[in-house]
């Protein structure tokens, strides 16, 4: 496992939709490239996610932890407006958060190189490339969201892989449920070895 990477250089050179760089038990670093007009698609995760723009321009939307569809067109139009003040203290003081640091209203706007979007666990979010060149990002998931070694050449590859993973997870859950059901009907005095053919 490598612990050091020239992240900006690697991210700018990455032509792939999604490529895993580093995965530990508690976090994961991925590189992403969105082609012009391409979007990640509305998604939410069980953990937090940090998305950092390395090149290009895009729109982002982060909704409170609900299932409502965010207004991506409004986020895209925000990209046409001139960037707001880069005064970090002002940006942080105006952030719509409660005392528990939970997102309490939607946030949307433009995303350009050097800017980041922090997505709290359970909040639906999306990013779309609104420019004419690839949007280069790196993202940190905590905990990991994808299998170590994940590489998706295109958005279509990622969608197919995620559908396959969801099907496999559903099949594993059904098998575990059947096993629990069968195990609950077994007499308590059955030797464990006989359950496994020993």
C-alpha atoms as a PDB file:
ATOM      1  CA  UNK A   1       0.000   0.000   0.000  1.00  0.00           C
ATOM      2  CA  UNK A   2       1.416   3.367  -0.963  1.00  0.00           C
ATOM      3  CA  UNK A   3       1.059   6.214   1.526  1.00  0.00           C
ATOM      4  CA  UNK A   4       2.337   9.048  -0.674  1.00  0.00           C
ATOM      5  CA  UNK A   5       0.970  10.260  -3.999  1.00  0.00           C
ATOM      6  CA  UNK A   6       1.402  13.380  -6.142  1.00  0.00           C
ATOM      7  CA  UNK A   7      -2.354  13.913  -5.925  1.00  0.00           C
ATOM      8  CA  UNK A   8      -2.832  17.034  -8.048  1.00  0.00           C
ATOM      9  CA  UNK A   9      -0.565  15.709 -10.789  1.00  0.00           C
ATOM     10  CA  UNK A  10      -2.304  12.310 -10.756  1.00  0.00           C
ATOM     11  CA  UNK A  11      -5.744  13.907 -10.741  1.00  0.00           C
ATOM     12  CA  UNK A  12      -4.989  16.213 -13.654  1.00  0.00           C
ATOM     13  CA  UNK A  13      -3.600  13.288 -15.680  1.00  0.00           C
ATOM     14  CA  UNK A  14      -6.513  10.942 -14.877  1.00  0.00           C
ATOM     15  CA  UNK A  15      -8.720  10.256 -17.944  1.00  0.00           C
ATOM     16  CA  UNK A  16     -10.987   7.766 -16.120  1.00  0.00           C
ATOM     17  CA  UNK A  17     -14.435   8.420 -14.690  1.00  0.00           C
ATOM     18  CA  UNK A  18     -13.437   6.858 -11.362  1.00  0.00           C
ATOM     19  CA  UNK A  19     -10.124   5.428 -10.147  1.00  0.00           C
ATOM     20  CA  UNK A  20      -9.253   4.322  -6.621  1.00  0.00           C
ATOM     21  CA  UNK A  21      -5.935   5.654  -5.332  1.00  0.00           C
ATOM     22  CA  UNK A  22      -5.902   4.538  -1.709  1.00  0.00           C
ATOM     23  CA  UNK A  23      -8.255   2.636   0.591  1.00  0.00           C
ATOM     24  CA  UNK A  24      -7.997   1.982   4.320  1.00  0.00           C
ATOM     25  CA  UNK A  25     -10.509   0.617   6.799  1.00  0.00           C
ATOM     26  CA  UNK A  26     -11.781   4.141   7.514  1.00  0.00           C
ATOM     27  CA  UNK A  27     -11.333   6.205   4.334  1.00  0.00           C
ATOM     28  CA  UNK A  28     -10.833   6.090   0.607  1.00  0.00           C
ATOM     29  CA  UNK A  29      -9.218   8.420  -1.934  1.00  0.00           C
ATOM     30  CA  UNK A  30     -10.570   8.376  -5.502  1.00  0.00           C
ATOM     31  CA  UNK A  31      -9.824  10.364  -8.669  1.00  0.00           C
ATOM     32  CA  UNK A  32     -12.711  11.315 -10.947  1.00  0.00           C
ATOM     33  CA  UNK A  33     -13.098  12.912 -14.377  1.00  0.00           C
ATOM     34  CA  UNK A  34     -16.468  14.146 -15.621  1.00  0.00           C
ATOM     35  CA  UNK A  35     -16.737  14.899 -19.336  1.00  0.00           C
ATOM     36  CA  UNK A  36     -18.524  18.102 -20.480  1.00  0.00           C
ATOM     37  CA  UNK A  37     -22.237  17.813 -19.613  1.00  0.00           C
ATOM     38  CA  UNK A  38     -21.672  14.650 -17.559  1.00  0.00           C
ATOM     39  CA  UNK A  39     -22.848  14.401 -13.961  1.00  0.00           C
ATOM     40  CA  UNK A  40     -22.232  12.102 -11.043  1.00  0.00           C
ATOM     41  CA  UNK A  41     -25.979  11.725 -10.570  1.00  0.00           C
ATOM     42  CA  UNK A  42     -27.990  12.169  -7.414  1.00  0.00           C
ATOM     43  CA  UNK A  43     -26.512   9.945  -4.727  1.00  0.00           C
ATOM     44  CA  UNK A  44     -26.054   9.725  -0.983  1.00  0.00           C
ATOM     45  CA  UNK A  45     -23.629   7.777   1.154  1.00  0.00           C
ATOM     46  CA  UNK A  46     -23.559   6.261   4.638  1.00  0.00           C
ATOM     47  CA  UNK A  47     -20.488   8.351   5.462  1.00  0.00           C
ATOM     48  CA  UNK A  48     -19.058  11.781   4.750  1.00  0.00           C
ATOM     49  CA  UNK A  49     -17.563  12.750   1.389  1.00  0.00           C
ATOM     50  CA  UNK A  50     -15.158  15.530   0.421  1.00  0.00           C
ATOM     51  CA  UNK A  51     -14.984  16.495  -3.267  1.00  0.00           C
ATOM     52  CA  UNK A  52     -12.162  18.785  -4.433  1.00  0.00           C
ATOM     53  CA  UNK A  53     -12.034  20.369  -7.894  1.00  0.00           C
ATOM     54  CA  UNK A  54      -8.631  20.275  -9.582  1.00  0.00           C
ATOM     55  CA  UNK A  55      -9.580  21.621 -13.044  1.00  0.00           C
ATOM     56  CA  UNK A  56     -12.640  22.587 -15.049  1.00  0.00           C
ATOM     57  CA  UNK A  57     -15.910  24.016 -13.843  1.00  0.00           C
ATOM     58  CA  UNK A  58     -19.096  22.547 -12.559  1.00  0.00           C
ATOM     59  CA  UNK A  59     -22.201  22.957 -10.470  1.00  0.00           C
ATOM     60  CA  UNK A  60     -22.921  21.276  -7.169  1.00  0.00           C
ATOM     61  CA  UNK A  61     -25.990  20.726  -5.036  1.00  0.00           C
ATOM     62  CA  UNK A  62     -26.151  19.229  -1.546  1.00  0.00           C
ATOM     63  CA  UNK A  63     -29.550  18.669   0.044  1.00  0.00           C
ATOM     64  CA  UNK A  64     -30.440  17.940   3.665  1.00  0.00           C
ATOM     65  CA  UNK A  65     -30.793  14.234   4.447  1.00  0.00           C
ATOM     66  CA  UNK A  66     -34.051  13.815   2.525  1.00  0.00           C
ATOM     67  CA  UNK A  67     -35.040  12.025  -0.663  1.00  0.00           C
ATOM     68  CA  UNK A  68     -36.149  15.212  -2.458  1.00  0.00           C
ATOM     69  CA  UNK A  69     -34.753  15.831  -5.946  1.00  0.00           C
ATOM     70  CA  UNK A  70     -32.391  18.854  -5.831  1.00  0.00           C
ATOM     71  CA  UNK A  71     -32.761  21.720  -8.321  1.00  0.00           C
ATOM     72  CA  UNK A  72     -29.677  21.167 -10.495  1.00  0.00           C
ATOM     73  CA  UNK A  73     -30.734  23.791 -13.063  1.00  0.00           C
ATOM     74  CA  UNK A  74     -30.581  26.453 -10.347  1.00  0.00           C
ATOM     75  CA  UNK A  75     -27.117  25.187  -9.437  1.00  0.00           C
ATOM     76  CA  UNK A  76     -26.043  25.390 -13.095  1.00  0.00           C
ATOM     77  CA  UNK A  77     -27.282  28.985 -13.403  1.00  0.00           C
ATOM     78  CA  UNK A  78     -25.208  29.835 -10.332  1.00  0.00           C
ATOM     79  CA  UNK A  79     -22.152  28.966 -12.439  1.00  0.00           C
ATOM     80  CA  UNK A  80     -22.964  31.842 -14.780  1.00  0.00           C
ATOM     81  CA  UNK A  81     -22.799  34.330 -11.918  1.00  0.00           C
ATOM     82  CA  UNK A  82     -19.420  35.780 -10.954  1.00  0.00           C
ATOM     83  CA  UNK A  83     -17.740  33.919  -8.095  1.00  0.00           C
ATOM     84  CA  UNK A  84     -18.613  35.246  -4.672  1.00  0.00           C
ATOM     85  CA  UNK A  85     -16.060  36.535  -2.212  1.00  0.00           C
ATOM     86  CA  UNK A  86     -13.289  34.090  -1.439  1.00  0.00           C
ATOM     87  CA  UNK A  87     -13.247  35.248   2.186  1.00  0.00           C
ATOM     88  CA  UNK A  88     -13.209  31.893   3.974  1.00  0.00           C
ATOM     89  CA  UNK A  89     -14.333  33.310   7.319  1.00  0.00           C
ATOM     90  CA  UNK A  90     -17.371  34.904   5.652  1.00  0.00           C
ATOM     91  CA  UNK A  91     -18.194  31.714   3.735  1.00  0.00           C
ATOM     92  CA  UNK A  92     -18.030  29.634   6.901  1.00  0.00           C
ATOM     93  CA  UNK A  93     -20.067  32.030   9.028  1.00  0.00           C
ATOM     94  CA  UNK A  94     -22.895  32.065   6.463  1.00  0.00           C
ATOM     95  CA  UNK A  95     -23.028  28.294   6.069  1.00  0.00           C
ATOM     96  CA  UNK A  96     -26.583  27.030   6.874  1.00  0.00           C
ATOM     97  CA  UNK A  97     -25.742  24.600   9.669  1.00  0.00           C
ATOM     98  CA  UNK A  98     -27.162  23.919  13.098  1.00  0.00           C
ATOM     99  CA  UNK A  99     -25.141  23.630  16.290  1.00  0.00           C
ATOM    100  CA  UNK A 100     -24.762  19.887  15.610  1.00  0.00           C
ATOM    101  CA  UNK A 101     -23.159  20.616  12.206  1.00  0.00           C
ATOM    102  CA  UNK A 102     -26.047  18.998  10.332  1.00  0.00           C
ATOM    103  CA  UNK A 103     -27.054  20.409   6.967  1.00  0.00           C
ATOM    104  CA  UNK A 104     -30.366  22.204   7.572  1.00  0.00           C
ATOM    105  CA  UNK A 105     -30.971  23.702   4.107  1.00  0.00           C
ATOM    106  CA  UNK A 106     -29.762  22.949   0.611  1.00  0.00           C
ATOM    107  CA  UNK A 107     -26.531  24.386  -0.721  1.00  0.00           C
ATOM    108  CA  UNK A 108     -25.843  24.844  -4.408  1.00  0.00           C
ATOM    109  CA  UNK A 109     -23.428  26.781  -6.539  1.00  0.00           C
ATOM    110  CA  UNK A 110     -20.461  26.717  -8.832  1.00  0.00           C
ATOM    111  CA  UNK A 111     -17.314  24.657  -8.451  1.00  0.00           C
ATOM    112  CA  UNK A 112     -13.944  25.616  -9.924  1.00  0.00           C
ATOM    113  CA  UNK A 113     -10.339  24.561  -9.386  1.00  0.00           C
ATOM    114  CA  UNK A 114      -9.252  24.920  -5.790  1.00  0.00           C
ATOM    115  CA  UNK A 115     -12.752  24.694  -4.338  1.00  0.00           C
ATOM    116  CA  UNK A 116     -14.224  21.840  -2.326  1.00  0.00           C
ATOM    117  CA  UNK A 117     -17.652  20.516  -1.420  1.00  0.00           C
ATOM    118  CA  UNK A 118     -18.129  18.701   1.906  1.00  0.00           C
ATOM    119  CA  UNK A 119     -21.103  16.327   1.882  1.00  0.00           C
ATOM    120  CA  UNK A 120     -22.364  15.097   5.274  1.00  0.00           C
ATOM    121  CA  UNK A 121     -23.437  11.453   5.571  1.00  0.00           C
ATOM    122  CA  UNK A 122     -26.945  10.773   4.262  1.00  0.00           C
ATOM    123  CA  UNK A 123     -27.268  14.002   2.258  1.00  0.00           C
ATOM    124  CA  UNK A 124     -28.293  13.635  -1.413  1.00  0.00           C
ATOM    125  CA  UNK A 125     -25.850  15.440  -3.683  1.00  0.00           C
ATOM    126  CA  UNK A 126     -24.793  15.827  -7.300  1.00  0.00           C
ATOM    127  CA  UNK A 127     -22.040  17.444  -9.356  1.00  0.00           C
ATOM    128  CA  UNK A 128     -22.295  18.228 -13.055  1.00  0.00           C
ATOM    129  CA  UNK A 129     -19.612  19.410 -15.468  1.00  0.00           C
ATOM    130  CA  UNK A 130     -20.934  22.710 -16.847  1.00  0.00           C
ATOM    131  CA  UNK A 131     -17.792  23.548 -18.813  1.00  0.00           C
ATOM    132  CA  UNK A 132     -16.331  22.607 -22.188  1.00  0.00           C
ATOM    133  CA  UNK A 133     -13.361  20.694 -20.768  1.00  0.00           C
ATOM    134  CA  UNK A 134     -13.156  17.686 -18.420  1.00  0.00           C
ATOM    135  CA  UNK A 135     -13.934  18.388 -14.758  1.00  0.00           C
ATOM    136  CA  UNK A 136     -11.119  16.840 -12.696  1.00  0.00           C
ATOM    137  CA  UNK A 137     -11.853  15.963  -9.065  1.00  0.00           C
ATOM    138  CA  UNK A 138     -10.518  13.979  -6.214  1.00  0.00           C
ATOM    139  CA  UNK A 139     -12.823  12.697  -3.537  1.00  0.00           C
ATOM    140  CA  UNK A 140     -12.346  11.299  -0.062  1.00  0.00           C
ATOM    141  CA  UNK A 141     -14.999   8.957   1.345  1.00  0.00           C
ATOM    142  CA  UNK A 142     -15.128   8.129   5.038  1.00  0.00           C
ATOM    143  CA  UNK A 143     -15.758   5.226   5.353  1.00  0.00           C
ATOM    144  CA  UNK A 144     -14.817   3.748   1.934  1.00  0.00           C
ATOM    145  CA  UNK A 145     -17.621   3.678  -0.637  1.00  0.00           C
ATOM    146  CA  UNK A 146     -16.120   1.443  -3.345  1.00  0.00           C
ATOM    147  CA  UNK A 147     -14.081  -1.748  -3.402  1.00  0.00           C
ATOM    148  CA  UNK A 148     -10.311  -1.314  -3.179  1.00  0.00           C
ATOM    149  CA  UNK A 149      -8.843  -1.274  -6.684  1.00  0.00           C
ATOM    150  CA  UNK A 150     -12.018   0.132  -8.285  1.00  0.00           C
ATOM    151  CA  UNK A 151     -11.526   1.484 -11.812  1.00  0.00           C
ATOM    152  CA  UNK A 152     -14.464   2.672 -13.938  1.00  0.00           C
ATOM    153  CA  UNK A 153     -13.381   3.914 -17.351  1.00  0.00           C
ATOM    154  CA  UNK A 154     -16.713   5.644 -18.034  1.00  0.00           C
ATOM    155  CA  UNK A 155     -19.887   6.695 -16.240  1.00  0.00           C
ATOM    156  CA  UNK A 156     -21.679   3.806 -18.013  1.00  0.00           C
ATOM    157  CA  UNK A 157     -19.113   1.350 -16.603  1.00  0.00           C
ATOM    158  CA  UNK A 158     -19.661   2.794 -13.111  1.00  0.00           C
ATOM    159  CA  UNK A 159     -23.453   2.533 -13.413  1.00  0.00           C
ATOM    160  CA  UNK A 160     -23.244  -1.101 -14.561  1.00  0.00           C
ATOM    161  CA  UNK A 161     -20.799  -2.015 -11.782  1.00  0.00           C
ATOM    162  CA  UNK A 162     -22.958  -0.356  -9.114  1.00  0.00           C
ATOM    163  CA  UNK A 163     -26.070  -2.197 -10.369  1.00  0.00           C
ATOM    164  CA  UNK A 164     -24.174  -5.497 -10.233  1.00  0.00           C
ATOM    165  CA  UNK A 165     -22.900  -4.734  -6.703  1.00  0.00           C
ATOM    166  CA  UNK A 166     -26.456  -3.911  -5.567  1.00  0.00           C
ATOM    167  CA  UNK A 167     -27.762  -7.192  -6.996  1.00  0.00           C
ATOM    168  CA  UNK A 168     -24.996  -9.178  -5.306  1.00  0.00           C
ATOM    169  CA  UNK A 169     -25.612  -7.427  -1.977  1.00  0.00           C
ATOM    170  CA  UNK A 170     -29.324  -8.208  -2.245  1.00  0.00           C
ATOM    171  CA  UNK A 171     -28.585 -11.873  -2.984  1.00  0.00           C
ATOM    172  CA  UNK A 172     -26.204 -12.068   0.004  1.00  0.00           C
ATOM    173  CA  UNK A 173     -28.838 -10.515   2.272  1.00  0.00           C
ATOM    174  CA  UNK A 174     -31.486 -13.010   1.081  1.00  0.00           C
ATOM    175  CA  UNK A 175     -29.097 -15.940   1.630  1.00  0.00           C
ATOM    176  CA  UNK A 176     -28.234 -14.702   5.134  1.00  0.00           C
ATOM    177  CA  UNK A 177     -31.934 -14.322   5.935  1.00  0.00           C
ATOM    178  CA  UNK A 178     -32.646 -17.877   4.730  1.00  0.00           C
ATOM    179  CA  UNK A 179     -29.743 -19.204   6.801  1.00  0.00           C
ATOM    180  CA  UNK A 180     -30.961 -17.392   9.930  1.00  0.00           C
ATOM    181  CA  UNK A 181     -34.472 -18.727   9.356  1.00  0.00           C
ATOM    182  CA  UNK A 182     -33.240 -22.296   8.886  1.00  0.00           C
ATOM    183  CA  UNK A 183     -30.885 -22.051  11.870  1.00  0.00           C
ATOM    184  CA  UNK A 184     -33.684 -20.801  14.127  1.00  0.00           C
ATOM    185  CA  UNK A 185     -35.673 -24.024  13.474  1.00  0.00           C
ATOM    186  CA  UNK A 186     -32.819 -26.406  14.352  1.00  0.00           C
ATOM    187  CA  UNK A 187     -32.825 -28.253  17.677  1.00  0.00           C
ATOM    188  CA  UNK A 188     -30.390 -26.783  20.180  1.00  0.00           C
ATOM    189  CA  UNK A 189     -28.640 -30.127  20.698  1.00  0.00           C
ATOM    190  CA  UNK A 190     -27.429 -30.485  17.063  1.00  0.00           C
ATOM    191  CA  UNK A 191     -23.589 -30.582  17.027  1.00  0.00           C
ATOM    192  CA  UNK A 192     -22.159 -27.626  15.038  1.00  0.00           C
ATOM    193  CA  UNK A 193     -19.888 -29.957  13.053  1.00  0.00           C
ATOM    194  CA  UNK A 194     -22.928 -31.696  11.547  1.00  0.00           C
ATOM    195  CA  UNK A 195     -24.148 -28.369  10.170  1.00  0.00           C
ATOM    196  CA  UNK A 196     -20.983 -28.012   8.104  1.00  0.00           C
ATOM    197  CA  UNK A 197     -20.658 -31.620   6.966  1.00  0.00           C
ATOM    198  CA  UNK A 198     -18.005 -32.559   9.529  1.00  0.00           C
END
